[in-house]
PDB file of N, CA and C in Angstrom:
ATOM      1  N   UNK A   1       0.800  -0.892   0.053  1.00  0.00           N
ATOM      2  CA  UNK A   1       0.258  -0.037   0.278  1.00  0.00           C
ATOM      3  C   UNK A   1       0.996   1.259   0.113  1.00  0.00           C
ATOM      4  N   UNK A   2       1.985   0.978   0.500  1.00  0.00           N
ATOM      5  CA  UNK A   2       2.963   2.640   0.943  1.00  0.00           C
ATOM      6  C   UNK A   2       3.191   2.513  -0.566  1.00  0.00           C
ATOM      7  N   UNK A   3       3.924   1.446  -1.057  1.00  0.00           N
ATOM      8  CA  UNK A   3       4.368   1.854  -2.675  1.00  0.00           C
ATOM      9  C   UNK A   3       3.370   2.830  -3.712  1.00  0.00           C
ATOM     10  N   UNK A   4       2.231   2.070  -3.529  1.00  0.00           N
ATOM     11  CA  UNK A   4       1.173   2.697  -4.077  1.00  0.00           C
ATOM     12  C   UNK A   4       0.537   4.584  -3.520  1.00  0.00           C
ATOM     13  N   UNK A   5       1.314   4.389  -2.287  1.00  0.00           N
ATOM     14  CA  UNK A   5       0.823   5.624  -1.765  1.00  0.00           C
ATOM     15  C   UNK A   5       1.751   6.862  -2.330  1.00  0.00           C
ATOM     16  N   UNK A   6       3.668   6.331  -2.390  1.00  0.00           N
ATOM     17  CA  UNK A   6       4.062   7.622  -2.666  1.00  0.00           C
ATOM     18  C   UNK A   6       4.352   6.762  -4.582  1.00  0.00           C
ATOM     19  N   UNK A   7       3.963   6.308  -5.113  1.00  0.00           N
ATOM     20  CA  UNK A   7       3.476   5.922  -6.554  1.00  0.00           C
ATOM     21  C   UNK A   7       2.559   7.265  -6.848  1.00  0.00           C
ATOM     22  N   UNK A   8       1.472   7.177  -6.223  1.00  0.00           N
ATOM     23  CA  UNK A   8       0.569   8.413  -6.685  1.00  0.00           C
ATOM     24  C   UNK A   8       0.952   9.668  -6.369  1.00  0.00           C
ATOM     25  N   UNK A   9       1.576   9.580  -5.086  1.00  0.00           N
ATOM     26  CA  UNK A   9       2.480  11.081  -4.451  1.00  0.00           C
ATOM     27  C   UNK A   9       3.459  11.940  -5.302  1.00  0.00           C
ATOM     28  N   UNK A  10       4.087  10.583  -6.273  1.00  0.00           N
ATOM     29  CA  UNK A  10       5.039  11.329  -7.370  1.00  0.00           C
ATOM     30  C   UNK A  10       4.671  11.607  -8.639  1.00  0.00           C
ATOM     31  N   UNK A  11       3.780  10.821  -8.398  1.00  0.00           N
ATOM     32  CA  UNK A  11       2.467  11.621  -9.928  1.00  0.00           C
ATOM     33  C   UNK A  11       2.176  12.501 -10.211  1.00  0.00           C
ATOM     34  N   UNK A  12       1.640  13.201  -8.773  1.00  0.00           N
ATOM     35  CA  UNK A  12       0.973  14.349  -8.510  1.00  0.00           C
ATOM     36  C   UNK A  12       1.888  15.600  -8.038  1.00  0.00           C
ATOM     37  N   UNK A  13       3.631  15.504  -8.115  1.00  0.00           N
ATOM     38  CA  UNK A  13       4.319  16.141  -7.786  1.00  0.00           C
ATOM     39  C   UNK A  13       4.040  16.256  -6.075  1.00  0.00           C
ATOM     40  N   UNK A  14       3.670  15.404  -5.184  1.00  0.00           N
ATOM     41  CA  UNK A  14       4.110  15.337  -4.167  1.00  0.00           C
ATOM     42  C   UNK A  14       4.696  14.898  -2.996  1.00  0.00           C
ATOM     43  N   UNK A  15       5.153  15.401  -1.663  1.00  0.00           N
ATOM     44  CA  UNK A  15       6.080  14.644  -1.268  1.00  0.00           C
ATOM     45  C   UNK A  15       5.558  13.798  -0.458  1.00  0.00           C
ATOM     46  N   UNK A  16       5.333  12.146  -0.358  1.00  0.00           N
ATOM     47  CA  UNK A  16       5.112  10.807   0.344  1.00  0.00           C
ATOM     48  C   UNK A  16       5.251  12.014   1.474  1.00  0.00           C
ATOM     49  N   UNK A  17       6.608  11.982   2.168  1.00  0.00           N
ATOM     50  CA  UNK A  17       6.430  12.152   3.315  1.00  0.00           C
ATOM     51  C   UNK A  17       5.190  12.730   4.044  1.00  0.00           C
ATOM     52  N   UNK A  18       4.719  13.707   3.641  1.00  0.00           N
ATOM     53  CA  UNK A  18       3.305  14.520   3.707  1.00  0.00           C
ATOM     54  C   UNK A  18       1.785  14.067   4.057  1.00  0.00           C
ATOM     55  N   UNK A  19       1.884  12.432   3.601  1.00  0.00           N
ATOM     56  CA  UNK A  19       0.750  11.854   3.310  1.00  0.00           C
ATOM     57  C   UNK A  19       0.885  10.708   4.451  1.00  0.00           C
ATOM     58  N   UNK A  20       0.096  10.540   5.694  1.00  0.00           N
ATOM     59  CA  UNK A  20      -0.009   9.668   6.649  1.00  0.00           C
ATOM     60  C   UNK A  20      -1.830   8.238   6.333  1.00  0.00           C
ATOM     61  N   UNK A  21      -0.840   6.874   6.240  1.00  0.00           N
ATOM     62  CA  UNK A  21      -1.802   6.130   5.934  1.00  0.00           C
ATOM     63  C   UNK A  21      -2.766   6.016   7.218  1.00  0.00           C
ATOM     64  N   UNK A  22      -4.203   6.203   6.961  1.00  0.00           N
ATOM     65  CA  UNK A  22      -4.912   6.105   8.431  1.00  0.00           C
ATOM     66  C   UNK A  22      -5.817   4.436   8.327  1.00  0.00           C
ATOM     67  N   UNK A  23      -5.588   3.700   8.969  1.00  0.00           N
ATOM     68  CA  UNK A  23      -6.247   2.441   8.685  1.00  0.00           C
ATOM     69  C   UNK A  23      -7.443   2.391   9.392  1.00  0.00           C
ATOM     70  N   UNK A  24      -8.544   2.308   9.067  1.00  0.00           N
ATOM     71  CA  UNK A  24      -9.827   1.766   9.430  1.00  0.00           C
ATOM     72  C   UNK A  24     -10.232   0.827  10.197  1.00  0.00           C
ATOM     73  N   UNK A  25     -10.465   1.193  11.477  1.00  0.00           N
ATOM     74  CA  UNK A  25     -10.304  -0.045  12.741  1.00  0.00           C
ATOM     75  C   UNK A  25     -11.430  -0.560  13.057  1.00  0.00           C
ATOM     76  N   UNK A  26     -12.863   0.649  12.245  1.00  0.00           N
ATOM     77  CA  UNK A  26     -14.202  -0.324  13.184  1.00  0.00           C
ATOM     78  C   UNK A  26     -14.892  -1.494  12.118  1.00  0.00           C
ATOM     79  N   UNK A  27     -15.270  -1.967  12.987  1.00  0.00           N
ATOM     80  CA  UNK A  27     -16.435  -3.059  13.267  1.00  0.00           C
ATOM     81  C   UNK A  27     -15.178  -4.062  13.000  1.00  0.00           C
ATOM     82  N   UNK A  28     -13.373  -3.967  13.110  1.00  0.00           N
ATOM     83  CA  UNK A  28     -13.021  -5.399  12.821  1.00  0.00           C
ATOM     84  C   UNK A  28     -12.440  -5.306  14.442  1.00  0.00           C
ATOM     85  N   UNK A  29     -12.418  -7.567  13.518  1.00  0.00           N
ATOM     86  CA  UNK A  29     -11.795  -7.962  15.038  1.00  0.00           C
ATOM     87  C   UNK A  29     -10.796  -7.767  15.748  1.00  0.00           C
ATOM     88  N   UNK A  30     -10.975  -7.900  17.273  1.00  0.00           N
ATOM     89  CA  UNK A  30      -9.603  -7.835  17.421  1.00  0.00           C
ATOM     90  C   UNK A  30      -8.347  -8.392  17.063  1.00  0.00           C
ATOM     91  N   UNK A  31      -8.547  -9.964  16.537  1.00  0.00           N
ATOM     92  CA  UNK A  31      -7.360 -10.532  16.095  1.00  0.00           C
ATOM     93  C   UNK A  31      -6.394  -9.728  14.799  1.00  0.00           C
ATOM     94  N   UNK A  32      -7.367  -9.342  14.012  1.00  0.00           N
ATOM     95  CA  UNK A  32      -6.854  -8.266  12.520  1.00  0.00           C
ATOM     96  C   UNK A  32      -6.641  -7.021  13.428  1.00  0.00           C
ATOM     97  N   UNK A  33      -7.280  -6.248  14.232  1.00  0.00           N
ATOM     98  CA  UNK A  33      -6.641  -4.888  14.789  1.00  0.00           C
ATOM     99  C   UNK A  33      -4.957  -5.338  14.722  1.00  0.00           C
ATOM    100  N   UNK A  34      -4.345  -6.527  15.805  1.00  0.00           N
ATOM    101  CA  UNK A  34      -3.565  -6.824  16.549  1.00  0.00           C
ATOM    102  C   UNK A  34      -2.638  -6.841  15.527  1.00  0.00           C
ATOM    103  N   UNK A  35      -3.090  -7.619  14.072  1.00  0.00           N
ATOM    104  CA  UNK A  35      -1.994  -8.241  12.770  1.00  0.00           C
ATOM    105  C   UNK A  35      -1.558  -6.865  12.322  1.00  0.00           C
ATOM    106  N   UNK A  36      -3.027  -5.935  12.336  1.00  0.00           N
ATOM    107  CA  UNK A  36      -1.912  -4.089  11.136  1.00  0.00           C
ATOM    108  C   UNK A  36      -1.298  -3.876  12.503  1.00  0.00           C
ATOM    109  N   UNK A  37      -1.270  -4.010  14.146  1.00  0.00           N
ATOM    110  CA  UNK A  37      -0.645  -3.059  14.849  1.00  0.00           C
ATOM    111  C   UNK A  37       1.245  -3.982  14.430  1.00  0.00           C
ATOM    112  N   UNK A  38       0.817  -5.195  14.211  1.00  0.00           N
ATOM    113  CA  UNK A  38       2.740  -6.091  14.031  1.00  0.00           C
ATOM    114  C   UNK A  38       3.258  -5.609  13.156  1.00  0.00           C
ATOM    115  N   UNK A  39       2.660  -4.797  11.865  1.00  0.00           N
ATOM    116  CA  UNK A  39       2.993  -4.682  10.854  1.00  0.00           C
ATOM    117  C   UNK A  39       3.796  -3.277  11.355  1.00  0.00           C
ATOM    118  N   UNK A  40       3.433  -2.584  12.173  1.00  0.00           N
ATOM    119  CA  UNK A  40       3.957  -1.312  12.422  1.00  0.00           C
ATOM    120  C   UNK A  40       2.867  -0.137  12.408  1.00  0.00           C
ATOM    121  N   UNK A  41       2.035  -0.497  11.332  1.00  0.00           N
ATOM    122  CA  UNK A  41       0.715   0.872  11.947  1.00  0.00           C
ATOM    123  C   UNK A  41       0.296   1.633  13.441  1.00  0.00           C
ATOM    124  N   UNK A  42       0.277   2.902  13.134  1.00  0.00           N
ATOM    125  CA  UNK A  42      -0.116   3.438  14.232  1.00  0.00           C
ATOM    126  C   UNK A  42      -1.296   4.378  13.912  1.00  0.00           C
ATOM    127  N   UNK A  43      -1.584   4.846  13.106  1.00  0.00           N
ATOM    128  CA  UNK A  43      -2.811   5.716  12.690  1.00  0.00           C
ATOM    129  C   UNK A  43      -3.980   4.867  12.360  1.00  0.00           C
ATOM    130  N   UNK A  44      -5.126   5.253  13.169  1.00  0.00           N
ATOM    131  CA  UNK A  44      -6.198   4.378  12.773  1.00  0.00           C
ATOM    132  C   UNK A  44      -7.458   5.410  13.050  1.00  0.00           C
ATOM    133  N   UNK A  45      -8.197   4.811  12.221  1.00  0.00           N
ATOM    134  CA  UNK A  45      -9.818   5.573  12.576  1.00  0.00           C
ATOM    135  C   UNK A  45     -10.752   5.201  12.828  1.00  0.00           C
ATOM    136  N   UNK A  46     -11.713   6.001  13.021  1.00  0.00           N
ATOM    137  CA  UNK A  46     -12.812   5.361  14.023  1.00  0.00           C
ATOM    138  C   UNK A  46     -14.337   6.046  13.847  1.00  0.00           C
ATOM    139  N   UNK A  47     -15.037   5.926  13.793  1.00  0.00           N
ATOM    140  CA  UNK A  47     -16.033   6.210  13.459  1.00  0.00           C
ATOM    141  C   UNK A  47     -17.357   6.926  14.589  1.00  0.00           C
ATOM    142  N   UNK A  48     -16.990   5.837  15.727  1.00  0.00           N
ATOM    143  CA  UNK A  48     -18.059   5.990  16.905  1.00  0.00           C
ATOM    144  C   UNK A  48     -17.000   5.798  18.108  1.00  0.00           C
ATOM    145  N   UNK A  49     -17.203   7.099  19.438  1.00  0.00           N
ATOM    146  CA  UNK A  49     -15.747   6.977  20.036  1.00  0.00           C
ATOM    147  C   UNK A  49     -16.498   6.316  21.434  1.00  0.00           C
ATOM    148  N   UNK A  50     -17.897   5.983  21.412  1.00  0.00           N
ATOM    149  CA  UNK A  50     -17.714   4.668  22.658  1.00  0.00           C
ATOM    150  C   UNK A  50     -16.921   3.712  21.986  1.00  0.00           C
ATOM    151  N   UNK A  51     -16.954   2.779  20.346  1.00  0.00           N
ATOM    152  CA  UNK A  51     -16.651   1.769  20.122  1.00  0.00           C
ATOM    153  C   UNK A  51     -15.606   1.658  20.450  1.00  0.00           C
ATOM    154  N   UNK A  52     -14.815   2.870  20.097  1.00  0.00           N
ATOM    155  CA  UNK A  52     -13.254   3.046  20.027  1.00  0.00           C
ATOM    156  C   UNK A  52     -12.712   2.931  21.598  1.00  0.00           C
ATOM    157  N   UNK A  53     -12.945   3.628  22.381  1.00  0.00           N
ATOM    158  CA  UNK A  53     -12.882   3.425  23.624  1.00  0.00           C
ATOM    159  C   UNK A  53     -12.674   2.168  23.881  1.00  0.00           C
ATOM    160  N   UNK A  54     -13.588   1.145  24.296  1.00  0.00           N
ATOM    161  CA  UNK A  54     -13.446  -0.226  24.180  1.00  0.00           C
ATOM    162  C   UNK A  54     -12.623  -1.019  23.621  1.00  0.00           C
ATOM    163  N   UNK A  55     -12.447  -0.682  22.045  1.00  0.00           N
ATOM    164  CA  UNK A  55     -11.473  -1.315  21.017  1.00  0.00           C
ATOM    165  C   UNK A  55     -10.046  -0.665  21.573  1.00  0.00           C
ATOM    166  N   UNK A  56      -9.661   0.116  22.026  1.00  0.00           N
ATOM    167  CA  UNK A  56      -8.377   0.927  22.108  1.00  0.00           C
ATOM    168  C   UNK A  56      -7.741   1.170  23.616  1.00  0.00           C
ATOM    169  N   UNK A  57      -9.111   1.195  24.302  1.00  0.00           N
ATOM    170  CA  UNK A  57      -8.209   1.632  26.275  1.00  0.00           C
ATOM    171  C   UNK A  57      -7.426   0.389  26.714  1.00  0.00           C
ATOM    172  N   UNK A  58      -6.895  -0.575  26.850  1.00  0.00           N
ATOM    173  CA  UNK A  58      -6.208  -1.587  26.711  1.00  0.00           C
ATOM    174  C   UNK A  58      -4.331  -1.574  26.235  1.00  0.00           C
ATOM    175  N   UNK A  59      -5.169  -0.907  24.611  1.00  0.00           N
ATOM    176  CA  UNK A  59      -3.865  -1.026  23.569  1.00  0.00           C
ATOM    177  C   UNK A  59      -3.091   0.454  24.023  1.00  0.00           C
ATOM    178  N   UNK A  60      -4.060   1.272  24.256  1.00  0.00           N
ATOM    179  CA  UNK A  60      -3.438   3.307  24.189  1.00  0.00           C
ATOM    180  C   UNK A  60      -1.623   3.095  24.997  1.00  0.00           C
ATOM    181  N   UNK A  61      -1.856   2.840  26.084  1.00  0.00           N
ATOM    182  CA  UNK A  61      -0.644   2.836  26.864  1.00  0.00           C
ATOM    183  C   UNK A  61       0.091   1.923  26.571  1.00  0.00           C
ATOM    184  N   UNK A  62       0.415   0.606  26.033  1.00  0.00           N
ATOM    185  CA  UNK A  62       1.205   0.112  25.403  1.00  0.00           C
ATOM    186  C   UNK A  62       1.947   0.298  24.476  1.00  0.00           C
ATOM    187  N   UNK A  63       1.074   1.335  23.393  1.00  0.00           N
ATOM    188  CA  UNK A  63       1.565   1.206  21.850  1.00  0.00           C
ATOM    189  C   UNK A  63       2.424   2.742  21.713  1.00  0.00           C
ATOM    190  N   UNK A  64       3.659   2.980  21.541  1.00  0.00           N
ATOM    191  CA  UNK A  64       3.710   4.494  21.439  1.00  0.00           C
ATOM    192  C   UNK A  64       3.290   5.063  20.401  1.00  0.00           C
ATOM    193  N   UNK A  65       3.362   6.375  20.015  1.00  0.00           N
ATOM    194  CA  UNK A  65       3.199   7.030  18.960  1.00  0.00           C
ATOM    195  C   UNK A  65       1.995   6.572  18.221  1.00  0.00           C
ATOM    196  N   UNK A  66       1.014   5.312  19.040  1.00  0.00           N
ATOM    197  CA  UNK A  66      -0.591   5.556  18.818  1.00  0.00           C
ATOM    198  C   UNK A  66      -1.308   6.398  18.293  1.00  0.00           C
ATOM    199  N   UNK A  67      -2.184   6.800  17.208  1.00  0.00           N
ATOM    200  CA  UNK A  67      -2.902   7.742  16.753  1.00  0.00           C
ATOM    201  C   UNK A  67      -4.170   7.498  16.242  1.00  0.00           C
ATOM    202  N   UNK A  68      -5.312   8.227  16.936  1.00  0.00           N
ATOM    203  CA  UNK A  68      -6.448   7.551  16.769  1.00  0.00           C
ATOM    204  C   UNK A  68      -7.322   9.055  15.812  1.00  0.00           C
ATOM    205  N   UNK A  69      -7.996   8.518  15.101  1.00  0.00           N
ATOM    206  CA  UNK A  69      -8.707   9.678  13.921  1.00  0.00           C
ATOM    207  C   UNK A  69     -10.230   9.207  14.565  1.00  0.00           C
ATOM    208  N   UNK A  70     -11.228  10.262  14.505  1.00  0.00           N
ATOM    209  CA  UNK A  70     -12.722  10.200  14.160  1.00  0.00           C
ATOM    210  C   UNK A  70     -12.577  10.833  12.614  1.00  0.00           C
ATOM    211  N   UNK A  71     -13.150   9.579  12.200  1.00  0.00           N
ATOM    212  CA  UNK A  71     -13.675   9.483  10.746  1.00  0.00           C
ATOM    213  C   UNK A  71     -15.095   9.712  10.253  1.00  0.00           C
ATOM    214  N   UNK A  72     -15.734  10.207   9.262  1.00  0.00           N
ATOM    215  CA  UNK A  72     -17.493   9.921   9.502  1.00  0.00           C
ATOM    216  C   UNK A  72     -17.376   8.920   8.511  1.00  0.00           C
TER     217      UNK A  72
END
């Protein structure tokens, strides 16, 4: 995915460092989230604050650099 983002940025004349990949974690099973976390992904999007609190409460303290974004 990162290679596709980099190629699109180069084609558009943008710096790839200015683009952040946000993984959408809403409705995903804990195992799926753990698998993507294992790859180093640290930016996640959620659309319901209450669900995000339950999904991320235990992970937040253990994952430096974790960023949660509210998406629509």
